[in-house]
Amino acid sequence: MEGLGTFLIIAVVFYFMMRFGCGSHMKHGHGGHGNHSGASNVDNNIDPVCGMKVETDQGYGKLYQGVLYRFCSKSCLDKFDSQPEQYLNNEQGEHHHDM
């Protein structure tokens, strides 16, 4: 019975650490602890197709070469899917929004 009590205590501590402590940032994408993608100068909340700012919980997301990009609409996501290098190399984007 002593082993079971020790196990339960450790399990409770582990739960609280993962829920509120060091593991809590894993659920929310590092919680703003910096950019770990290697592309520190890229604002991934700017739609690379039309240049529109997209909130983290809005629009569409696409993981491309280890970086998550945000898109304001399915149309912009489809354009990016067809020619991603065109939009990543285009610094200003098209700067128009057509849904």
Protein backbone atom coordinates (compact mmCIF):
# COMPACT_ATOMS: atom_id res chain seq x y z
CA MET A 1 0.00 0.00 0.00
CA GLU A 2 2.93 2.35 0.67
CA GLY A 3 4.05 2.04 -2.96
CA LEU A 4 0.60 2.97 -4.22
CA GLY A 5 0.53 6.12 -2.06
CA THR A 6 3.95 7.21 -3.35
CA PHE A 7 2.83 6.57 -6.93
CA LEU A 8 -0.33 8.67 -6.46
CA ILE A 9 1.64 11.57 -4.96
CA ILE A 10 4.10 11.51 -7.85
CA ALA A 11 1.24 11.29 -10.36
CA VAL A 12 -0.50 14.33 -8.83
CA VAL A 13 2.72 16.36 -8.83
CA PHE A 14 3.39 15.35 -12.44
CA TYR A 15 -0.16 16.35 -13.46
CA PHE A 16 0.15 19.81 -11.89
CA MET A 17 3.58 20.40 -13.43
CA MET A 18 2.31 19.50 -16.89
CA ARG A 19 -0.93 21.45 -16.47
CA PHE A 20 0.37 24.62 -14.84
CA GLY A 21 4.15 24.46 -14.78
CA CYS A 22 6.91 23.63 -17.21
CA GLY A 23 4.75 21.48 -19.49
CA SER A 24 1.92 23.97 -19.93
CA HIS A 25 3.63 25.81 -22.77
CA MET A 26 3.60 22.66 -24.92
CA LYS A 27 -0.16 22.93 -25.37
CA HIS A 28 -0.04 26.53 -26.56
CA GLY A 29 2.91 26.57 -28.92
CA HIS A 30 5.62 27.70 -26.47
CA GLY A 31 3.48 30.52 -25.11
CA GLY A 32 5.57 33.28 -26.67
CA HIS A 33 8.92 32.01 -25.42
CA GLY A 34 10.57 32.90 -28.71
CA ASN A 35 10.66 31.52 -32.18
CA HIS A 36 12.22 28.05 -32.32
CA SER A 37 11.75 27.60 -36.06
CA GLY A 38 15.01 29.21 -37.12
CA ALA A 39 13.20 31.93 -39.09
CA SER A 40 13.38 34.66 -36.45
CA ASN A 41 12.76 37.55 -38.84
CA VAL A 42 9.54 36.15 -40.36
CA ASP A 43 6.18 37.32 -39.00
CA ASN A 44 4.13 34.15 -39.41
CA ASN A 45 0.89 35.94 -38.56
CA ILE A 46 1.08 37.91 -41.81
CA ASP A 47 -0.55 36.09 -44.71
CA PRO A 48 2.32 35.67 -47.22
CA VAL A 49 -0.13 35.81 -50.15
CA CYS A 50 -2.11 39.00 -49.48
CA GLY A 51 -0.19 40.60 -46.60
CA MET A 52 -3.16 40.62 -44.22
CA LYS A 53 -2.53 40.17 -40.48
CA VAL A 54 -4.11 36.93 -39.24
CA GLU A 55 -4.69 36.24 -35.56
CA THR A 56 -3.21 32.99 -34.24
CA ASP A 57 -6.63 31.44 -33.60
CA GLN A 58 -8.18 32.62 -36.89
CA GLY A 59 -7.90 31.64 -40.54
CA TYR A 60 -5.91 28.70 -41.81
CA GLY A 61 -2.48 27.36 -40.92
CA LYS A 62 0.08 25.60 -43.12
CA LEU A 63 3.31 24.00 -41.97
CA TYR A 64 5.90 24.53 -44.69
CA GLN A 65 9.57 23.58 -44.25
CA GLY A 66 9.16 23.51 -40.48
CA VAL A 67 7.52 26.96 -40.23
CA LEU A 68 3.82 27.50 -39.56
CA TYR A 69 2.31 30.19 -41.79
CA ARG A 70 -1.15 31.72 -41.24
CA PHE A 71 -3.64 32.48 -44.04
CA CYS A 72 -6.72 34.68 -43.92
CA SER A 73 -8.77 32.55 -46.31
CA LYS A 74 -8.89 29.20 -48.09
CA SER A 75 -8.23 31.06 -51.34
CA CYS A 76 -4.91 32.42 -50.05
CA LEU A 77 -3.97 28.99 -48.69
CA ASP A 78 -4.70 27.39 -52.08
CA LYS A 79 -2.59 30.00 -53.88
CA PHE A 80 0.28 29.37 -51.47
CA ASP A 81 -0.03 25.59 -51.92
CA SER A 82 0.28 25.95 -55.68
CA GLN A 83 3.48 28.08 -55.60
CA PRO A 84 4.88 28.53 -52.08
CA GLU A 85 8.32 29.79 -53.14
CA GLN A 86 6.73 32.64 -55.12
CA TYR A 87 5.04 34.00 -52.01
CA LEU A 88 7.92 33.42 -49.62
CA ASN A 89 10.37 35.21 -51.92
CA ASN A 90 7.93 38.07 -52.55
CA GLU A 91 8.67 40.50 -49.72
CA GLN A 92 5.62 42.71 -50.18
CA GLY A 93 3.07 40.07 -51.20
CA GLU A 94 0.22 40.94 -53.52
CA HIS A 95 -1.36 43.26 -50.90
CA HIS A 96 -4.87 42.62 -52.03
CA HIS A 97 -7.50 40.44 -50.51
CA ASP A 98 -9.80 38.38 -52.72
CA MET A 99 -11.95 35.79 -51.02
